[in-house]
Amino acid sequence: VQAAPGVGIPVVYLQDAFMLKGEPHRPDADHALVESEYARELFVENGFPPEATQVIGPIRFDPLRVGNGARTTAPYCAELTGASQERKFVVFATDPGSLVNTTAQKYHSELTAMQDVAGLTDVHLIVKLHPADVGDITRRALRESGAENITIVESCDLHRVMSECSIWISMYSTTVIESLIHGVYVLLTNYEGLDLFKDA
């Protein structure tokens, strides 16, 4: 992206996350494709040319397999974890520890969540690593928790997991919206009291 203008290649920015008023929204691009007029106004307020900003509509979630929240067995979750498919599966979606928090805060949040489920004999916790997360902090938290009903998963079919799990836990992830569409009960954590969530 940084080299493209030097060789005459136009750069197009595609909005891939939600936008909050008060944040500096001005991409290093020639054109911007955004979800709504609200997003377009935020770009223009920050000096992005209005003629270079195009509203293309919201993210499409309709291709997702929509669930109804009724789950009896969980064969895919059982396959991922080695636990009985009659168990209740809870998913904790991690973050890299650098987007909105620190690595120390990440460790504390994950250890707290693990300790909360450690004694629940009918529950198995799947800790799904963020694609940018190497997992060192998460594995350390798991060792510290001493829990045996927890499995760390690096890669899986997220939507199959969502269609089978009972609860989805996260602090900062687009998977929150996707799991809601699947009919999953969602818990948002803010163990560290981060300012990002104060107005939520």
C-alpha atoms as a PDB file:
ATOM      1  CA  VAL A   1       0.000   0.000   0.000  1.00  0.00           C
ATOM      2  CA  GLN A   2       2.800   2.433   0.842  1.00  0.00           C
ATOM      3  CA  ALA A   3       4.725   1.667  -2.347  1.00  0.00           C
ATOM      4  CA  ALA A   4       1.739   1.733  -4.710  1.00  0.00           C
ATOM      5  CA  PRO A   5       1.468   5.533  -5.170  1.00  0.00           C
ATOM      6  CA  GLY A   6       5.145   5.716  -6.141  1.00  0.00           C
ATOM      7  CA  VAL A   7       4.545   3.469  -9.139  1.00  0.00           C
ATOM      8  CA  GLY A   8       1.209   4.980 -10.121  1.00  0.00           C
ATOM      9  CA  ILE A   9      -1.118   2.306  -8.677  1.00  0.00           C
ATOM     10  CA  PRO A  10      -4.325   3.671  -7.109  1.00  0.00           C
ATOM     11  CA  VAL A  11      -5.082   2.538  -3.557  1.00  0.00           C
ATOM     12  CA  VAL A  12      -8.643   1.695  -2.491  1.00  0.00           C
ATOM     13  CA  TYR A  13      -9.526   1.445   1.222  1.00  0.00           C
ATOM     14  CA  LEU A  14     -12.320  -0.978   2.148  1.00  0.00           C
ATOM     15  CA  GLN A  15     -13.941  -0.433   5.550  1.00  0.00           C
ATOM     16  CA  ASP A  16     -13.568  -3.656   7.547  1.00  0.00           C
ATOM     17  CA  ALA A  17     -14.641  -2.642  11.046  1.00  0.00           C
ATOM     18  CA  PHE A  18     -17.078  -0.443  12.906  1.00  0.00           C
ATOM     19  CA  MET A  19     -16.307   3.242  13.213  1.00  0.00           C
ATOM     20  CA  LEU A  20     -16.784   5.426  16.273  1.00  0.00           C
ATOM     21  CA  LYS A  21     -17.199   9.181  16.271  1.00  0.00           C
ATOM     22  CA  GLY A  22     -14.153  10.983  17.615  1.00  0.00           C
ATOM     23  CA  GLU A  23     -11.640   8.571  16.127  1.00  0.00           C
ATOM     24  CA  PRO A  24      -9.336   9.848  13.343  1.00  0.00           C
ATOM     25  CA  HIS A  25     -10.679   8.236  10.180  1.00  0.00           C
ATOM     26  CA  ARG A  26      -8.547   9.155   7.198  1.00  0.00           C
ATOM     27  CA  PRO A  27      -7.038   6.236   5.288  1.00  0.00           C
ATOM     28  CA  ASP A  28      -3.876   6.549   3.198  1.00  0.00           C
ATOM     29  CA  ALA A  29      -5.744   5.813  -0.012  1.00  0.00           C
ATOM     30  CA  ASP A  30      -7.042   7.393  -3.197  1.00  0.00           C
ATOM     31  CA  HIS A  31     -10.568   6.027  -2.775  1.00  0.00           C
ATOM     32  CA  ALA A  32     -12.608   4.693   0.155  1.00  0.00           C
ATOM     33  CA  LEU A  33     -15.466   2.173   0.099  1.00  0.00           C
ATOM     34  CA  VAL A  34     -17.539   2.424   3.275  1.00  0.00           C
ATOM     35  CA  GLU A  35     -20.663   0.808   4.744  1.00  0.00           C
ATOM     36  CA  SER A  36     -22.861   3.838   5.403  1.00  0.00           C
ATOM     37  CA  GLU A  37     -23.410   7.569   5.066  1.00  0.00           C
ATOM     38  CA  TYR A  38     -22.358   7.830   8.723  1.00  0.00           C
ATOM     39  CA  ALA A  39     -18.953   6.338   7.892  1.00  0.00           C
ATOM     40  CA  ARG A  40     -18.663   8.567   4.824  1.00  0.00           C
ATOM     41  CA  GLU A  41     -19.307  11.670   6.960  1.00  0.00           C
ATOM     42  CA  LEU A  42     -16.583  10.636   9.429  1.00  0.00           C
ATOM     43  CA  PHE A  43     -14.084  10.315   6.575  1.00  0.00           C
ATOM     44  CA  VAL A  44     -15.053  13.669   5.086  1.00  0.00           C
ATOM     45  CA  GLU A  45     -14.857  15.373   8.526  1.00  0.00           C
ATOM     46  CA  ASN A  46     -11.238  14.203   8.692  1.00  0.00           C
ATOM     47  CA  GLY A  47     -10.367  15.703   5.312  1.00  0.00           C
ATOM     48  CA  PHE A  48     -10.932  12.748   2.988  1.00  0.00           C
ATOM     49  CA  PRO A  49     -12.333  13.969  -0.367  1.00  0.00           C
ATOM     50  CA  PRO A  50     -16.115  13.394  -0.508  1.00  0.00           C
ATOM     51  CA  GLU A  51     -15.940  12.594  -4.226  1.00  0.00           C
ATOM     52  CA  ALA A  52     -13.483   9.772  -3.472  1.00  0.00           C
ATOM     53  CA  THR A  53     -15.736   8.121  -0.867  1.00  0.00           C
ATOM     54  CA  GLN A  54     -18.368   5.630  -2.012  1.00  0.00           C
ATOM     55  CA  VAL A  55     -21.067   4.018   0.168  1.00  0.00           C
ATOM     56  CA  ILE A  56     -21.383   0.336  -0.791  1.00  0.00           C
ATOM     57  CA  GLY A  57     -23.674  -0.892   1.996  1.00  0.00           C
ATOM     58  CA  PRO A  58     -23.233  -2.934   5.161  1.00  0.00           C
ATOM     59  CA  ILE A  59     -21.354  -6.187   5.595  1.00  0.00           C
ATOM     60  CA  ARG A  60     -23.457  -9.140   4.408  1.00  0.00           C
ATOM     61  CA  PHE A  61     -24.206 -11.641   7.139  1.00  0.00           C
ATOM     62  CA  ASP A  62     -27.044 -13.425   5.333  1.00  0.00           C
ATOM     63  CA  PRO A  63     -24.770 -16.186   3.924  1.00  0.00           C
ATOM     64  CA  LEU A  64     -24.163 -17.404   7.500  1.00  0.00           C
ATOM     65  CA  ARG A  65     -25.980 -20.521   8.684  1.00  0.00           C
ATOM     66  CA  VAL A  66     -28.367 -18.910  11.149  1.00  0.00           C
ATOM     67  CA  GLY A  67     -29.053 -20.899  14.306  1.00  0.00           C
ATOM     68  CA  ASN A  68     -31.924 -20.753  16.755  1.00  0.00           C
ATOM     69  CA  GLY A  69     -29.930 -21.200  19.944  1.00  0.00           C
ATOM     70  CA  ALA A  70     -31.223 -24.756  20.516  1.00  0.00           C
ATOM     71  CA  ARG A  71     -28.252 -27.080  20.948  1.00  0.00           C
ATOM     72  CA  THR A  72     -28.458 -30.711  22.065  1.00  0.00           C
ATOM     73  CA  THR A  73     -25.187 -32.273  20.919  1.00  0.00           C
ATOM     74  CA  ALA A  74     -21.932 -30.815  19.606  1.00  0.00           C
ATOM     75  CA  PRO A  75     -20.063 -33.351  17.451  1.00  0.00           C
ATOM     76  CA  TYR A  76     -17.655 -30.842  15.879  1.00  0.00           C
ATOM     77  CA  CYS A  77     -16.729 -29.258  19.233  1.00  0.00           C
ATOM     78  CA  ALA A  78     -16.251 -32.755  20.644  1.00  0.00           C
ATOM     79  CA  GLU A  79     -13.940 -33.599  17.737  1.00  0.00           C
ATOM     80  CA  LEU A  80     -11.855 -30.460  18.362  1.00  0.00           C
ATOM     81  CA  THR A  81     -11.483 -31.057  22.089  1.00  0.00           C
ATOM     82  CA  GLY A  82     -11.810 -34.782  22.731  1.00  0.00           C
ATOM     83  CA  ALA A  83     -14.631 -34.025  25.189  1.00  0.00           C
ATOM     84  CA  SER A  84     -18.077 -35.629  25.166  1.00  0.00           C
ATOM     85  CA  GLN A  85     -20.441 -34.024  22.673  1.00  0.00           C
ATOM     86  CA  GLU A  86     -23.104 -33.888  25.392  1.00  0.00           C
ATOM     87  CA  ARG A  87     -21.021 -31.290  27.238  1.00  0.00           C
ATOM     88  CA  LYS A  88     -21.893 -27.596  27.093  1.00  0.00           C
ATOM     89  CA  PHE A  89     -19.220 -25.883  25.026  1.00  0.00           C
ATOM     90  CA  VAL A  90     -18.234 -22.312  25.815  1.00  0.00           C
ATOM     91  CA  VAL A  91     -15.886 -20.400  23.498  1.00  0.00           C
ATOM     92  CA  PHE A  92     -13.484 -17.642  24.505  1.00  0.00           C
ATOM     93  CA  ALA A  93     -12.255 -15.743  21.416  1.00  0.00           C
ATOM     94  CA  THR A  94      -8.886 -14.180  22.211  1.00  0.00           C
ATOM     95  CA  ASP A  95      -7.250 -11.012  20.927  1.00  0.00           C
ATOM     96  CA  PRO A  96      -3.555 -10.546  20.050  1.00  0.00           C
ATOM     97  CA  GLY A  97      -2.838  -8.477  23.161  1.00  0.00           C
ATOM     98  CA  SER A  98      -1.868  -5.409  21.164  1.00  0.00           C
ATOM     99  CA  LEU A  99      -5.063  -3.992  19.620  1.00  0.00           C
ATOM    100  CA  VAL A 100      -6.840  -2.428  22.604  1.00  0.00           C
ATOM    101  CA  ASN A 101      -4.975  -3.883  25.588  1.00  0.00           C
ATOM    102  CA  THR A 102      -1.502  -4.947  26.713  1.00  0.00           C
ATOM    103  CA  THR A 103      -0.033  -8.437  26.964  1.00  0.00           C
ATOM    104  CA  ALA A 104      -0.318  -8.256  30.769  1.00  0.00           C
ATOM    105  CA  GLN A 105      -4.001  -7.349  30.526  1.00  0.00           C
ATOM    106  CA  LYS A 106      -4.530 -10.134  27.987  1.00  0.00           C
ATOM    107  CA  TYR A 107      -2.953 -12.666  30.360  1.00  0.00           C
ATOM    108  CA  HIS A 108      -5.098 -11.518  33.287  1.00  0.00           C
ATOM    109  CA  SER A 109      -8.329 -11.605  31.229  1.00  0.00           C
ATOM    110  CA  GLU A 110      -7.681 -15.083  29.875  1.00  0.00           C
ATOM    111  CA  LEU A 111      -6.547 -16.523  33.210  1.00  0.00           C
ATOM    112  CA  THR A 112      -9.668 -15.099  34.904  1.00  0.00           C
ATOM    113  CA  ALA A 113     -11.968 -16.643  32.283  1.00  0.00           C
ATOM    114  CA  MET A 114     -10.196 -20.002  32.597  1.00  0.00           C
ATOM    115  CA  GLN A 115     -10.418 -19.988  36.381  1.00  0.00           C
ATOM    116  CA  ASP A 116     -14.136 -19.174  36.161  1.00  0.00           C
ATOM    117  CA  VAL A 117     -14.882 -22.388  34.238  1.00  0.00           C
ATOM    118  CA  ALA A 118     -12.240 -24.652  35.798  1.00  0.00           C
ATOM    119  CA  GLY A 119     -14.643 -26.173  38.322  1.00  0.00           C
ATOM    120  CA  LEU A 120     -17.655 -26.572  36.027  1.00  0.00           C
ATOM    121  CA  THR A 121     -17.813 -30.317  35.318  1.00  0.00           C
ATOM    122  CA  ASP A 122     -20.517 -30.073  32.625  1.00  0.00           C
ATOM    123  CA  VAL A 123     -18.702 -27.348  30.636  1.00  0.00           C
ATOM    124  CA  HIS A 124     -15.740 -27.468  28.267  1.00  0.00           C
ATOM    125  CA  LEU A 125     -14.059 -24.192  27.340  1.00  0.00           C
ATOM    126  CA  ILE A 126     -12.641 -23.750  23.855  1.00  0.00           C
ATOM    127  CA  VAL A 127     -10.119 -20.916  23.750  1.00  0.00           C
ATOM    128  CA  LYS A 128      -9.982 -19.860  20.091  1.00  0.00           C
ATOM    129  CA  LEU A 129      -6.772 -17.997  19.307  1.00  0.00           C
ATOM    130  CA  HIS A 130      -6.934 -14.843  17.191  1.00  0.00           C
ATOM    131  CA  PRO A 131      -5.195 -15.362  13.800  1.00  0.00           C
ATOM    132  CA  ALA A 132      -2.485 -12.880  14.889  1.00  0.00           C
ATOM    133  CA  ASP A 133      -2.034 -14.579  18.270  1.00  0.00           C
ATOM    134  CA  VAL A 134       0.869 -17.051  18.627  1.00  0.00           C
ATOM    135  CA  GLY A 135      -0.703 -18.389  21.824  1.00  0.00           C
ATOM    136  CA  ASP A 136       2.241 -18.157  24.264  1.00  0.00           C
ATOM    137  CA  ILE A 137       0.333 -16.003  26.754  1.00  0.00           C
ATOM    138  CA  THR A 138      -2.779 -18.182  26.480  1.00  0.00           C
ATOM    139  CA  ARG A 139      -0.825 -21.405  27.075  1.00  0.00           C
ATOM    140  CA  ARG A 140       0.849 -19.856  30.114  1.00  0.00           C
ATOM    141  CA  ALA A 141      -2.573 -18.858  31.489  1.00  0.00           C
ATOM    142  CA  LEU A 142      -3.860 -22.398  30.926  1.00  0.00           C
ATOM    143  CA  ARG A 143      -0.917 -23.905  32.842  1.00  0.00           C
ATOM    144  CA  GLU A 144      -1.480 -21.441  35.671  1.00  0.00           C
ATOM    145  CA  SER A 145      -5.226 -22.195  35.836  1.00  0.00           C
ATOM    146  CA  GLY A 146      -4.659 -25.923  36.323  1.00  0.00           C
ATOM    147  CA  ALA A 147      -7.934 -26.574  34.493  1.00  0.00           C
ATOM    148  CA  GLU A 148      -8.476 -29.805  32.573  1.00  0.00           C
ATOM    149  CA  ASN A 149     -11.722 -28.837  30.848  1.00  0.00           C
ATOM    150  CA  ILE A 150     -10.100 -26.313  28.487  1.00  0.00           C
ATOM    151  CA  THR A 151      -8.753 -26.745  24.953  1.00  0.00           C
ATOM    152  CA  ILE A 152      -6.771 -24.110  23.042  1.00  0.00           C
ATOM    153  CA  VAL A 153      -7.655 -24.145  19.335  1.00  0.00           C
ATOM    154  CA  GLU A 154      -5.599 -22.357  16.695  1.00  0.00           C
ATOM    155  CA  SER A 155      -7.681 -23.098  13.604  1.00  0.00           C
ATOM    156  CA  CYS A 156     -11.199 -24.392  13.073  1.00  0.00           C
ATOM    157  CA  ASP A 157     -14.464 -23.818  11.206  1.00  0.00           C
ATOM    158  CA  LEU A 158     -15.738 -20.962  13.365  1.00  0.00           C
ATOM    159  CA  HIS A 159     -19.280 -21.157  12.073  1.00  0.00           C
ATOM    160  CA  ARG A 160     -19.554 -24.855  12.862  1.00  0.00           C
ATOM    161  CA  VAL A 161     -18.357 -24.071  16.384  1.00  0.00           C
ATOM    162  CA  MET A 162     -20.875 -21.223  16.646  1.00  0.00           C
ATOM    163  CA  SER A 163     -23.693 -23.516  15.550  1.00  0.00           C
ATOM    164  CA  GLU A 164     -22.890 -25.912  18.425  1.00  0.00           C
ATOM    165  CA  CYS A 165     -21.613 -23.848  21.377  1.00  0.00           C
ATOM    166  CA  SER A 166     -23.785 -22.519  24.208  1.00  0.00           C
ATOM    167  CA  ILE A 167     -21.944 -19.299  25.074  1.00  0.00           C
ATOM    168  CA  TRP A 168     -19.478 -17.090  23.170  1.00  0.00           C
ATOM    169  CA  ILE A 169     -17.119 -14.940  25.252  1.00  0.00           C
ATOM    170  CA  SER A 170     -14.942 -12.175  23.854  1.00  0.00           C
ATOM    171  CA  MET A 171     -13.592  -8.745  24.600  1.00  0.00           C
ATOM    172  CA  TYR A 172     -13.018  -7.365  21.116  1.00  0.00           C
ATOM    173  CA  SER A 173     -13.932  -9.422  18.071  1.00  0.00           C
ATOM    174  CA  THR A 174     -16.169  -9.392  14.999  1.00  0.00           C
ATOM    175  CA  THR A 175     -17.041 -12.978  15.963  1.00  0.00           C
ATOM    176  CA  VAL A 176     -19.392 -11.450  18.553  1.00  0.00           C
ATOM    177  CA  ILE A 177     -21.750 -10.307  15.802  1.00  0.00           C
ATOM    178  CA  GLU A 178     -21.461 -13.577  13.894  1.00  0.00           C
ATOM    179  CA  SER A 179     -22.209 -15.685  16.968  1.00  0.00           C
ATOM    180  CA  LEU A 180     -25.246 -13.522  17.773  1.00  0.00           C
ATOM    181  CA  ILE A 181     -26.550 -14.231  14.279  1.00  0.00           C
ATOM    182  CA  HIS A 182     -26.126 -17.943  15.026  1.00  0.00           C
ATOM    183  CA  GLY A 183     -28.338 -17.512  18.079  1.00  0.00           C
ATOM    184  CA  VAL A 184     -25.515 -17.930  20.605  1.00  0.00           C
ATOM    185  CA  TYR A 185     -25.623 -16.221  23.998  1.00  0.00           C
ATOM    186  CA  VAL A 186     -22.743 -13.693  24.048  1.00  0.00           C
ATOM    187  CA  LEU A 187     -20.753 -12.371  27.005  1.00  0.00           C
ATOM    188  CA  LEU A 188     -18.492  -9.358  26.498  1.00  0.00           C
ATOM    189  CA  THR A 189     -15.669  -9.092  29.013  1.00  0.00           C
ATOM    190  CA  ASN A 190     -13.921  -5.992  30.239  1.00  0.00           C
ATOM    191  CA  TYR A 191     -11.916  -7.317  33.167  1.00  0.00           C
ATOM    192  CA  GLU A 192      -9.444  -4.448  32.860  1.00  0.00           C
ATOM    193  CA  GLY A 193     -11.979  -1.608  32.731  1.00  0.00           C
ATOM    194  CA  LEU A 194     -10.672  -0.360  29.378  1.00  0.00           C
ATOM    195  CA  ASP A 195     -11.987   3.052  28.272  1.00  0.00           C
ATOM    196  CA  LEU A 196     -12.926   1.638  24.856  1.00  0.00           C
ATOM    197  CA  PHE A 197     -16.067   0.102  26.382  1.00  0.00           C
ATOM    198  CA  LYS A 198     -17.160   2.892  28.710  1.00  0.00           C
ATOM    199  CA  ASP A 199     -19.723   4.293  26.225  1.00  0.00           C
ATOM    200  CA  ALA A 200     -20.947   0.873  25.043  1.00  0.00           C
END
